[in-house]
Protein backbone atom coordinates (compact mmCIF):
# COMPACT_ATOMS: atom_id res chain seq x y z
CA MET A 1 -39.60 35.87 -52.49
CA THR A 2 -42.52 34.58 -54.53
CA LYS A 3 -43.03 31.31 -56.39
CA ALA A 4 -42.16 33.11 -59.65
CA ASP A 5 -38.89 34.34 -58.10
CA ILE A 6 -38.04 30.79 -57.01
CA VAL A 7 -38.74 29.47 -60.52
CA ASN A 8 -36.55 32.21 -62.04
CA GLU A 9 -33.66 31.48 -59.66
CA ILE A 10 -33.78 27.72 -60.28
CA SER A 11 -34.05 28.27 -64.03
CA LYS A 12 -31.04 30.62 -64.05
CA SER A 13 -28.82 28.41 -61.90
CA THR A 14 -29.63 25.10 -63.63
CA GLY A 15 -30.25 26.15 -67.23
CA ILE A 16 -33.61 24.33 -67.26
CA ASP A 17 -36.44 26.21 -68.97
CA LYS A 18 -38.91 28.03 -66.73
CA ALA A 19 -41.91 25.96 -67.83
CA SER A 20 -40.27 22.72 -66.66
CA VAL A 21 -39.14 24.27 -63.39
CA LEU A 22 -42.62 25.70 -62.74
CA GLU A 23 -44.19 22.29 -63.41
CA THR A 24 -41.75 20.66 -61.00
CA VAL A 25 -42.35 23.23 -58.25
CA GLU A 26 -46.13 22.94 -58.69
CA LYS A 27 -45.94 19.13 -58.51
CA PHE A 28 -43.77 19.30 -55.37
CA MET A 29 -46.30 21.55 -53.64
CA GLU A 30 -49.17 19.29 -54.73
CA ILE A 31 -47.44 16.20 -53.33
CA VAL A 32 -46.75 17.96 -50.01
CA LYS A 33 -50.40 19.08 -49.75
CA ASP A 34 -51.73 15.63 -50.66
CA SER A 35 -49.42 13.93 -48.17
CA LEU A 36 -50.47 16.24 -45.35
CA ALA A 37 -54.14 15.79 -46.27
CA ASN A 38 -53.60 12.03 -45.87
CA ASP A 39 -51.96 12.50 -42.43
CA GLU A 40 -48.48 11.74 -43.80
CA ASN A 41 -45.66 14.02 -42.70
CA VAL A 42 -43.03 15.09 -45.26
CA TYR A 43 -39.39 15.01 -44.12
CA LEU A 44 -36.68 16.80 -46.12
CA ARG A 45 -33.28 16.08 -44.56
CA GLY A 46 -31.26 19.26 -44.03
CA PHE A 47 -34.29 21.48 -44.76
CA GLY A 48 -37.16 20.62 -42.44
CA SER A 49 -40.41 18.77 -41.98
CA PHE A 50 -43.93 19.54 -43.08
CA ILE A 51 -46.08 18.07 -40.31
CA ILE A 52 -49.68 17.88 -39.17
CA LYS A 53 -50.43 19.28 -35.71
CA THR A 54 -53.63 18.58 -33.84
CA ARG A 55 -55.23 21.48 -32.02
CA SER A 56 -57.35 20.36 -29.10
CA GLN A 57 -60.94 21.41 -28.54
CA LYS A 58 -61.35 24.78 -26.88
CA THR A 59 -63.99 27.23 -25.77
CA ALA A 60 -64.10 30.65 -27.41
CA ARG A 61 -66.30 33.70 -27.13
CA ASN A 62 -68.33 35.50 -29.76
CA ILE A 63 -67.98 39.01 -28.41
CA SER A 64 -70.64 40.60 -30.62
CA LYS A 65 -73.36 38.15 -29.46
CA ASN A 66 -71.89 37.59 -25.98
CA THR A 67 -72.02 33.82 -26.36
CA THR A 68 -69.54 31.01 -25.95
CA ILE A 69 -68.79 28.58 -28.73
CA ILE A 70 -66.89 25.32 -28.80
CA ILE A 71 -64.15 25.04 -31.41
CA PRO A 72 -63.73 21.31 -32.08
CA GLU A 73 -60.40 19.51 -32.27
CA HIS A 74 -58.84 20.08 -35.69
CA LYS A 75 -55.62 19.53 -37.61
CA ILE A 76 -53.37 22.23 -39.04
CA PRO A 77 -50.29 22.05 -41.25
CA ALA A 78 -46.98 23.23 -39.80
CA PHE A 79 -43.34 23.48 -40.81
CA LYS A 80 -40.49 22.56 -38.49
CA PRO A 81 -37.10 23.68 -39.84
CA ALA A 82 -34.07 21.38 -39.55
CA LYS A 83 -31.23 22.31 -37.21
CA VAL A 84 -28.86 23.17 -40.09
CA PHE A 85 -31.60 25.37 -41.57
CA MET A 86 -32.01 27.22 -38.27
CA ASP A 87 -28.25 27.60 -37.83
CA GLN A 88 -27.93 29.18 -41.29
CA VAL A 89 -30.81 31.60 -40.70
CA LYS A 90 -29.52 32.65 -37.26
CA LYS A 91 -26.17 33.89 -38.64
């Protein structure tokens, strides 16, 4: 399902025009991204959490040059689904 599909489904089920729904969905995604960029997790009860995970520093290999490189500690976004979400998907 794409963002356009989500907008169409919300528009059909609520009767709100697609432009307004698209603007709302875009703003939601922007707020989630901005919150995560500012190290703030986003919790949606009954759905899940958008969180920041920290990956520790590690050593990797560049196979083509046969050298080792250090990948510094960095943060990545992650999604942790809520229990009710997982229970519904598992059915």
